[in-house]
Protein backbone atom coordinates (compact mmCIF):
# COMPACT_ATOMS: atom_id res chain seq x y z
CA MET A 1 0.00 0.00 0.00
CA ALA A 2 2.81 2.42 0.88
CA ARG A 3 4.38 2.11 -2.56
CA ASN A 4 0.99 2.69 -4.17
CA LEU A 5 0.36 5.81 -2.08
CA LYS A 6 3.74 7.25 -3.04
CA GLU A 7 2.98 6.57 -6.71
CA GLN A 8 -0.51 8.01 -6.30
CA ILE A 9 0.91 11.21 -4.84
CA LEU A 10 3.47 11.44 -7.65
CA GLU A 11 0.88 10.75 -10.37
CA THR A 12 -1.52 13.30 -8.91
CA ALA A 13 1.17 15.93 -8.54
CA SER A 14 2.43 15.23 -12.06
CA ARG A 15 -1.01 15.81 -13.52
CA LEU A 16 -1.52 19.01 -11.52
CA PHE A 17 1.98 20.36 -12.21
CA TYR A 18 1.54 19.82 -15.94
CA CYS A 19 -1.98 21.27 -16.10
CA GLN A 20 -1.69 24.16 -13.65
CA GLY A 21 2.02 24.84 -13.30
CA ILE A 22 4.42 23.92 -10.53
CA LYS A 23 4.33 27.10 -8.50
CA ALA A 24 0.54 27.40 -8.85
CA THR A 25 0.06 23.92 -7.39
CA GLY A 26 0.37 23.80 -3.63
CA VAL A 27 0.92 20.83 -1.37
CA GLU A 28 -2.61 21.27 -0.03
CA ALA A 29 -4.09 20.79 -3.52
CA ILE A 30 -1.92 17.73 -4.18
CA VAL A 31 -2.87 16.13 -0.86
CA LYS A 32 -6.56 16.78 -1.46
CA ALA A 33 -6.53 15.47 -5.05
CA ALA A 34 -4.51 12.40 -4.03
CA GLY A 35 -6.90 11.66 -1.17
CA THR A 36 -4.18 11.55 1.44
CA THR A 37 -2.75 13.61 4.29
CA LYS A 38 0.15 16.02 4.63
CA ILE A 39 1.80 13.54 6.99
CA SER A 40 1.75 10.88 4.27
CA PHE A 41 2.87 13.39 1.67
CA TYR A 42 5.92 14.44 3.70
CA LYS A 43 6.70 10.83 4.57
CA TYR A 44 7.37 10.13 0.90
CA PHE A 45 8.45 13.58 -0.26
CA PRO A 46 10.19 15.62 2.47
CA SER A 47 9.62 18.80 0.43
CA LYS A 48 7.67 20.03 -2.56
CA ASP A 49 11.00 20.56 -4.33
CA GLU A 50 11.80 16.85 -4.00
CA LEU A 51 8.38 16.03 -5.45
CA VAL A 52 9.00 18.39 -8.37
CA ILE A 53 12.32 16.69 -9.11
CA ALA A 54 10.64 13.25 -8.89
CA PHE A 55 7.94 14.49 -11.29
CA LEU A 56 10.52 15.70 -13.82
CA ARG A 57 12.63 12.55 -13.59
CA LYS A 58 9.57 10.35 -14.11
CA ARG A 59 8.39 12.56 -16.97
CA ASP A 60 11.85 12.31 -18.55
CA LYS A 61 11.85 8.51 -18.35
CA ASP A 62 8.25 8.04 -19.52
CA PHE A 63 8.29 10.67 -22.27
CA THR A 64 11.67 9.64 -23.67
CA TYR A 65 10.64 5.99 -23.84
CA TRP A 66 7.34 6.87 -25.52
CA PHE A 67 8.90 9.37 -27.93
CA VAL A 68 11.73 7.11 -29.13
CA GLU A 69 9.32 4.19 -29.50
CA GLN A 70 7.00 6.36 -31.64
CA VAL A 71 9.88 7.55 -33.84
CA ASP A 72 11.11 3.96 -34.25
CA CYS A 73 7.61 2.86 -35.31
CA LYS A 74 7.48 5.54 -37.99
CA ALA A 75 10.91 5.05 -39.55
CA GLU A 76 13.75 2.59 -39.85
CA GLN A 77 16.61 4.62 -41.32
CA PRO A 78 18.34 7.31 -39.22
CA ILE A 79 17.63 10.05 -41.78
CA ASP A 80 13.94 9.16 -41.77
CA LYS A 81 13.93 9.06 -37.96
CA LEU A 82 15.27 12.61 -37.86
CA LEU A 83 12.25 13.77 -39.81
CA ALA A 84 9.85 11.43 -37.98
CA ILE A 85 10.74 13.34 -34.80
CA PHE A 86 8.56 16.16 -36.13
CA ASP A 87 5.69 13.82 -37.01
CA VAL A 88 5.65 12.46 -33.47
CA LEU A 89 5.94 15.98 -32.14
CA GLY A 90 2.92 17.01 -34.19
CA GLU A 91 0.84 14.07 -32.95
CA TRP A 92 1.74 14.84 -29.34
CA MET A 93 0.83 18.49 -29.79
CA GLU A 94 -2.61 17.51 -31.12
CA ILE A 95 -3.77 15.80 -27.93
CA PRO A 96 -6.31 17.91 -26.02
CA GLU A 97 -4.25 17.71 -22.81
CA PHE A 98 -1.18 19.27 -24.45
CA ARG A 99 0.16 22.10 -22.27
CA GLY A 100 3.60 22.46 -23.78
CA CYS A 101 6.77 20.77 -22.64
CA ALA A 102 6.96 20.06 -18.92
CA PHE A 103 10.70 20.80 -19.01
CA ILE A 104 10.40 24.11 -20.83
CA ASN A 105 7.56 25.08 -18.49
CA ALA A 106 9.59 24.09 -15.41
CA ALA A 107 12.66 25.98 -16.61
CA ALA A 108 10.49 29.07 -17.15
CA GLU A 109 9.13 28.80 -13.60
CA PHE A 110 12.62 28.25 -12.16
CA PRO A 111 14.84 30.39 -14.41
CA LEU A 112 18.06 30.38 -12.38
CA GLU A 113 20.50 27.92 -13.93
CA GLY A 114 21.72 26.69 -10.56
CA ASN A 115 18.23 25.72 -9.42
CA PRO A 116 17.80 21.90 -9.30
CA VAL A 117 14.52 22.09 -11.24
CA HIS A 118 16.19 24.13 -13.97
CA ARG A 119 19.14 21.70 -14.07
CA VAL A 120 16.88 18.63 -14.46
CA SER A 121 15.02 20.42 -17.26
CA ALA A 122 18.28 21.27 -19.02
CA GLU A 123 19.45 17.65 -18.63
CA PHE A 124 16.36 16.47 -20.51
CA TYR A 125 17.22 18.62 -23.52
CA ASP A 126 20.91 17.64 -23.33
CA GLN A 127 19.79 14.02 -23.56
CA PHE A 128 17.39 14.84 -26.41
CA ARG A 129 20.19 16.54 -28.35
CA ARG A 130 22.42 13.48 -27.83
CA TYR A 131 19.65 11.31 -29.29
CA ILE A 132 19.42 13.56 -32.37
CA SER A 133 23.22 13.78 -32.63
CA ASN A 134 23.49 9.99 -32.58
CA LEU A 135 20.96 9.70 -35.42
CA ALA A 136 22.78 12.43 -37.39
CA GLY A 137 26.09 10.65 -36.85
CA GLN A 138 24.59 7.43 -38.20
CA CYS A 139 23.74 9.39 -41.37
CA GLY A 140 27.38 10.36 -41.79
CA ILE A 141 26.72 14.03 -41.16
CA GLU A 142 29.76 16.04 -40.14
CA ALA A 143 29.46 17.88 -36.82
CA PRO A 144 26.30 16.01 -35.77
CA GLU A 145 26.21 17.95 -32.48
CA SER A 146 25.70 21.18 -34.38
CA LEU A 147 22.83 19.73 -36.38
CA ALA A 148 21.35 18.29 -33.20
CA LEU A 149 21.31 21.75 -31.64
CA GLN A 150 19.68 23.24 -34.73
CA LEU A 151 16.98 20.54 -34.87
CA SER A 152 16.42 20.79 -31.13
CA LEU A 153 15.86 24.53 -31.52
CA LEU A 154 13.24 23.79 -34.16
CA VAL A 155 11.54 21.30 -31.82
CA GLU A 156 11.58 23.66 -28.85
CA GLY A 157 10.33 26.56 -30.96
CA ALA A 158 7.50 24.45 -32.40
CA ILE A 159 6.45 23.38 -28.91
CA VAL A 160 6.33 26.94 -27.61
CA SER A 161 4.54 28.16 -30.75
CA GLU A 162 1.91 25.45 -30.38
CA GLN A 163 1.52 26.18 -26.70
CA MET A 164 0.93 29.86 -27.46
CA LYS A 165 -1.48 29.21 -30.34
CA ARG A 166 -3.08 25.79 -30.68
CA HIS A 167 -3.32 24.15 -34.12
CA SER A 168 -0.65 26.46 -35.49
CA GLY A 169 0.95 23.85 -37.76
CA ALA A 170 4.27 24.52 -36.02
CA ALA A 171 5.42 20.89 -36.12
CA GLU A 172 4.93 20.65 -39.88
CA LEU A 173 6.69 23.97 -40.49
CA ALA A 174 9.56 22.87 -38.25
CA LYS A 175 9.75 19.58 -40.19
CA GLN A 176 10.04 21.52 -43.45
CA ALA A 177 12.90 23.59 -41.99
CA ALA A 178 14.53 20.40 -40.68
CA GLY A 179 14.34 18.90 -44.17
CA VAL A 180 16.20 21.90 -45.59
CA LEU A 181 18.87 21.61 -42.89
CA LEU A 182 19.27 17.88 -43.48
CA GLN A 183 19.56 18.28 -47.25
CA SER A 184 22.15 20.98 -46.74
CA ARG A 185 24.19 18.79 -44.39
CA LEU A 186 23.87 15.66 -46.52
CA SER A 187 25.05 17.49 -49.61
CA GLY A 188 28.12 18.69 -47.70
CA ALA A 189 27.09 22.33 -47.39
CA ASP A 190 27.07 24.01 -44.00
């Protein structure tokens, strides 16, 4: 039961943090929505900050697994996977519950680079860029880290654009820009 209560608190907090924002969601609201007590809450999460970090780490693990699996289902070759990233992004952004990227949102709420929440958010995008860089390297692209940063900027920009204005077509436009970048890199131009 204890393990289930801890997971229930984390799941409830995750939903509330993503829908309402981290700072706007108090411990009282989490406890009430989870159907538990503050004593139980603090037994599993000594502070709200520790809960926020647990939320982001779980989100990282779950989202990364889901995202890579979706990309792998859409494409086999690394070059096709680089473009499929934007198809998966577009599908994710179409779900009614879409509220942007939890990591971008968290970094905006905790803007100081030394803050643990900001660091965990930055780690997510570092890992995402490594994923893209690995695919680019498999394509034989020179300086795959540079391309990974460029494609990541397109992804992040599309997410924020879609968050600001729903059904903006940002993922498709970002995919078109990514295609131009990839063609440029594959033909040897920089």
